[in-house]
Amino acid sequence: MSYVDPKLRYRFESLPIELKNEILRRDVSLYTLNDLIECLQSIVEEE
């Protein structure tokens, strides 16, 4: 189950629904902005 730190929630919620769904599907834990950026980079690299 994915986790998004409450301090990062507003940034997560600003993403398009497709990206949010993909992040949640990956079952990652996002505690920092850097965690979110790394996850987004991995999504971009796969496409």
PDB file of N, CA and C in Angstrom:
ATOM      1  N   MET A   1       0.836  -1.184   0.000  1.00  0.00           N
ATOM      2  CA  MET A   1       0.000   0.000   0.000  1.00  0.00           C
ATOM      3  C   MET A   1       0.882   1.249   0.000  1.00  0.00           C
ATOM      4  N   SER A   2       0.577   2.181  -0.863  1.00  0.00           N
ATOM      5  CA  SER A   2       1.355   3.414  -0.964  1.00  0.00           C
ATOM      6  C   SER A   2       1.080   4.327   0.221  1.00  0.00           C
ATOM      7  N   TYR A   3       2.085   5.148   0.501  1.00  0.00           N
ATOM      8  CA  TYR A   3       1.954   6.125   1.582  1.00  0.00           C
ATOM      9  C   TYR A   3       2.465   7.466   1.081  1.00  0.00           C
ATOM     10  N   VAL A   4       1.693   8.513   1.343  1.00  0.00           N
ATOM     11  CA  VAL A   4       2.116   9.875   1.017  1.00  0.00           C
ATOM     12  C   VAL A   4       2.086  10.670   2.320  1.00  0.00           C
ATOM     13  N   ASP A   5       3.241  11.173   2.698  1.00  0.00           N
ATOM     14  CA  ASP A   5       3.346  11.957   3.928  1.00  0.00           C
ATOM     15  C   ASP A   5       2.386  13.149   3.860  1.00  0.00           C
ATOM     16  N   PRO A   6       1.690  13.438   4.950  1.00  0.00           N
ATOM     17  CA  PRO A   6       0.756  14.576   4.942  1.00  0.00           C
ATOM     18  C   PRO A   6       1.402  15.902   4.525  1.00  0.00           C
ATOM     19  N   LYS A   7       2.675  16.082   4.818  1.00  0.00           N
ATOM     20  CA  LYS A   7       3.361  17.314   4.417  1.00  0.00           C
ATOM     21  C   LYS A   7       3.523  17.401   2.902  1.00  0.00           C
ATOM     22  N   LEU A   8       3.439  16.272   2.235  1.00  0.00           N
ATOM     23  CA  LEU A   8       3.630  16.212   0.787  1.00  0.00           C
ATOM     24  C   LEU A   8       2.300  16.069   0.044  1.00  0.00           C
ATOM     25  N   ARG A   9       1.238  15.869   0.776  1.00  0.00           N
ATOM     26  CA  ARG A   9      -0.071  15.568   0.192  1.00  0.00           C
ATOM     27  C   ARG A   9      -0.521  16.623  -0.819  1.00  0.00           C
ATOM     28  N   TYR A  10      -0.318  17.898  -0.519  1.00  0.00           N
ATOM     29  CA  TYR A  10      -0.792  18.942  -1.440  1.00  0.00           C
ATOM     30  C   TYR A  10      -0.078  18.868  -2.785  1.00  0.00           C
ATOM     31  N   ARG A  11       1.194  18.499  -2.782  1.00  0.00           N
ATOM     32  CA  ARG A  11       1.919  18.351  -4.056  1.00  0.00           C
ATOM     33  C   ARG A  11       1.402  17.128  -4.808  1.00  0.00           C
ATOM     34  N   PHE A  12       1.194  16.057  -4.083  1.00  0.00           N
ATOM     35  CA  PHE A  12       0.663  14.839  -4.689  1.00  0.00           C
ATOM     36  C   PHE A  12      -0.708  15.119  -5.314  1.00  0.00           C
ATOM     37  N   GLU A  13      -1.562  15.805  -4.588  1.00  0.00           N
ATOM     38  CA  GLU A  13      -2.916  16.086  -5.079  1.00  0.00           C
ATOM     39  C   GLU A  13      -2.927  17.027  -6.276  1.00  0.00           C
ATOM     40  N   SER A  14      -1.862  17.759  -6.486  1.00  0.00           N
ATOM     41  CA  SER A  14      -1.808  18.673  -7.633  1.00  0.00           C
ATOM     42  C   SER A  14      -1.467  17.953  -8.943  1.00  0.00           C
ATOM     43  N   LEU A  15      -1.079  16.697  -8.854  1.00  0.00           N
ATOM     44  CA  LEU A  15      -0.717  15.922 -10.047  1.00  0.00           C
ATOM     45  C   LEU A  15      -1.960  15.480 -10.809  1.00  0.00           C
ATOM     46  N   PRO A  16      -1.823  15.226 -12.101  1.00  0.00           N
ATOM     47  CA  PRO A  16      -2.939  14.668 -12.874  1.00  0.00           C
ATOM     48  C   PRO A  16      -3.333  13.299 -12.316  1.00  0.00           C
ATOM     49  N   ILE A  17      -4.584  12.972 -12.461  1.00  0.00           N
ATOM     50  CA  ILE A  17      -5.119  11.726 -11.906  1.00  0.00           C
ATOM     51  C   ILE A  17      -4.359  10.500 -12.410  1.00  0.00           C
ATOM     52  N   GLU A  18      -3.925  10.521 -13.661  1.00  0.00           N
ATOM     53  CA  GLU A  18      -3.201   9.377 -14.213  1.00  0.00           C
ATOM     54  C   GLU A  18      -1.891   9.140 -13.467  1.00  0.00           C
ATOM     55  N   LEU A  19      -1.193  10.221 -13.154  1.00  0.00           N
ATOM     56  CA  LEU A  19       0.064  10.089 -12.404  1.00  0.00           C
ATOM     57  C   LEU A  19      -0.195   9.627 -10.981  1.00  0.00           C
ATOM     58  N   LYS A  20      -1.208  10.188 -10.356  1.00  0.00           N
ATOM     59  CA  LYS A  20      -1.538   9.760  -8.986  1.00  0.00           C
ATOM     60  C   LYS A  20      -1.859   8.271  -8.958  1.00  0.00           C
ATOM     61  N   ASN A  21      -2.640   7.826  -9.899  1.00  0.00           N
ATOM     62  CA  ASN A  21      -2.993   6.404  -9.949  1.00  0.00           C
ATOM     63  C   ASN A  21      -1.768   5.527 -10.168  1.00  0.00           C
ATOM     64  N   GLU A  22      -0.883   5.962 -11.034  1.00  0.00           N
ATOM     65  CA  GLU A  22       0.331   5.186 -11.297  1.00  0.00           C
ATOM     66  C   GLU A  22       1.218   5.127 -10.057  1.00  0.00           C
ATOM     67  N   ILE A  23       1.358   6.225  -9.363  1.00  0.00           N
ATOM     68  CA  ILE A  23       2.158   6.238  -8.130  1.00  0.00           C
ATOM     69  C   ILE A  23       1.548   5.291  -7.106  1.00  0.00           C
ATOM     70  N   LEU A  24       0.252   5.359  -6.934  1.00  0.00           N
ATOM     71  CA  LEU A  24      -0.414   4.481  -5.966  1.00  0.00           C
ATOM     72  C   LEU A  24      -0.285   3.018  -6.369  1.00  0.00           C
ATOM     73  N   ARG A  25      -0.332   2.751  -7.657  1.00  0.00           N
ATOM     74  CA  ARG A  25      -0.199   1.379  -8.145  1.00  0.00           C
ATOM     75  C   ARG A  25       1.177   0.800  -7.825  1.00  0.00           C
ATOM     76  N   ARG A  26       2.178   1.656  -7.762  1.00  0.00           N
ATOM     77  CA  ARG A  26       3.559   1.210  -7.526  1.00  0.00           C
ATOM     78  C   ARG A  26       3.850   0.858  -6.071  1.00  0.00           C
ATOM     79  N   ASP A  27       2.928   1.148  -5.210  1.00  0.00           N
ATOM     80  CA  ASP A  27       3.081   0.756  -3.804  1.00  0.00           C
ATOM     81  C   ASP A  27       4.347   1.350  -3.188  1.00  0.00           C
ATOM     82  N   VAL A  28       4.508   2.657  -3.326  1.00  0.00           N
ATOM     83  CA  VAL A  28       5.695   3.353  -2.824  1.00  0.00           C
ATOM     84  C   VAL A  28       5.354   4.172  -1.577  1.00  0.00           C
ATOM     85  N   SER A  29       6.379   4.547  -0.855  1.00  0.00           N
ATOM     86  CA  SER A  29       6.237   5.446   0.291  1.00  0.00           C
ATOM     87  C   SER A  29       6.919   6.763  -0.051  1.00  0.00           C
ATOM     88  N   LEU A  30       6.155   7.824   0.032  1.00  0.00           N
ATOM     89  CA  LEU A  30       6.672   9.147  -0.300  1.00  0.00           C
ATOM     90  C   LEU A  30       6.703   9.997   0.965  1.00  0.00           C
ATOM     91  N   TYR A  31       7.902  10.218   1.452  1.00  0.00           N
ATOM     92  CA  TYR A  31       8.086  11.002   2.672  1.00  0.00           C
ATOM     93  C   TYR A  31       8.622  12.399   2.385  1.00  0.00           C
ATOM     94  N   THR A  32       9.313  12.539   1.261  1.00  0.00           N
ATOM     95  CA  THR A  32       9.938  13.818   0.931  1.00  0.00           C
ATOM     96  C   THR A  32       9.637  14.180  -0.520  1.00  0.00           C
ATOM     97  N   LEU A  33       9.895  15.427  -0.838  1.00  0.00           N
ATOM     98  CA  LEU A  33       9.735  15.868  -2.223  1.00  0.00           C
ATOM     99  C   LEU A  33      10.675  15.086  -3.132  1.00  0.00           C
ATOM    100  N   ASN A  34      11.846  14.782  -2.646  1.00  0.00           N
ATOM    101  CA  ASN A  34      12.795  13.993  -3.430  1.00  0.00           C
ATOM    102  C   ASN A  34      12.230  12.603  -3.741  1.00  0.00           C
ATOM    103  N   ASP A  35      11.542  11.990  -2.803  1.00  0.00           N
ATOM    104  CA  ASP A  35      10.906  10.691  -3.051  1.00  0.00           C
ATOM    105  C   ASP A  35       9.900  10.802  -4.194  1.00  0.00           C
ATOM    106  N   LEU A  36       9.110  11.844  -4.159  1.00  0.00           N
ATOM    107  CA  LEU A  36       8.110  12.056  -5.204  1.00  0.00           C
ATOM    108  C   LEU A  36       8.778  12.273  -6.555  1.00  0.00           C
ATOM    109  N   ILE A  37       9.808  13.084  -6.588  1.00  0.00           N
ATOM    110  CA  ILE A  37      10.527  13.356  -7.833  1.00  0.00           C
ATOM    111  C   ILE A  37      11.133  12.078  -8.395  1.00  0.00           C
ATOM    112  N   GLU A  38      11.746  11.283  -7.559  1.00  0.00           N
ATOM    113  CA  GLU A  38      12.345  10.026  -8.019  1.00  0.00           C
ATOM    114  C   GLU A  38      11.286   9.089  -8.587  1.00  0.00           C
ATOM    115  N   CYS A  39      10.151   9.026  -7.944  1.00  0.00           N
ATOM    116  CA  CYS A  39       9.070   8.178  -8.446  1.00  0.00           C
ATOM    117  C   CYS A  39       8.585   8.681  -9.809  1.00  0.00           C
ATOM    118  N   LEU A  40       8.404   9.971  -9.934  1.00  0.00           N
ATOM    119  CA  LEU A  40       7.974  10.543 -11.214  1.00  0.00           C
ATOM    120  C   LEU A  40       9.011  10.316 -12.307  1.00  0.00           C
ATOM    121  N   GLN A  41      10.283  10.420 -11.963  1.00  0.00           N
ATOM    122  CA  GLN A  41      11.344  10.164 -12.945  1.00  0.00           C
ATOM    123  C   GLN A  41      11.299   8.718 -13.426  1.00  0.00           C
ATOM    124  N   SER A  42      11.060   7.801 -12.526  1.00  0.00           N
ATOM    125  CA  SER A  42      11.008   6.396 -12.937  1.00  0.00           C
ATOM    126  C   SER A  42       9.816   6.137 -13.856  1.00  0.00           C
ATOM    127  N   ILE A  43       8.714   6.827 -13.620  1.00  0.00           N
ATOM    128  CA  ILE A  43       7.549   6.688 -14.501  1.00  0.00           C
ATOM    129  C   ILE A  43       7.883   7.219 -15.889  1.00  0.00           C
ATOM    130  N   VAL A  44       8.506   8.371 -15.957  1.00  0.00           N
ATOM    131  CA  VAL A  44       8.866   8.986 -17.240  1.00  0.00           C
ATOM    132  C   VAL A  44       9.853   8.103 -18.000  1.00  0.00           C
ATOM    133  N   GLU A  45      10.821   7.543 -17.305  1.00  0.00           N
ATOM    134  CA  GLU A  45      11.832   6.705 -17.955  1.00  0.00           C
ATOM    135  C   GLU A  45      11.234   5.440 -18.553  1.00  0.00           C
ATOM    136  N   GLU A  46      10.152   4.957 -17.984  1.00  0.00           N
ATOM    137  CA  GLU A  46       9.518   3.740 -18.492  1.00  0.00           C
ATOM    138  C   GLU A  46       8.693   3.995 -19.738  1.00  0.00           C
ATOM    139  N   GLU A  47       8.263   5.214 -19.931  1.00  0.00           N
ATOM    140  CA  GLU A  47       7.377   5.498 -21.066  1.00  0.00           C
ATOM    141  C   GLU A  47       8.121   5.883 -22.300  1.00  0.00           C
TER     142      GLU A  47
END
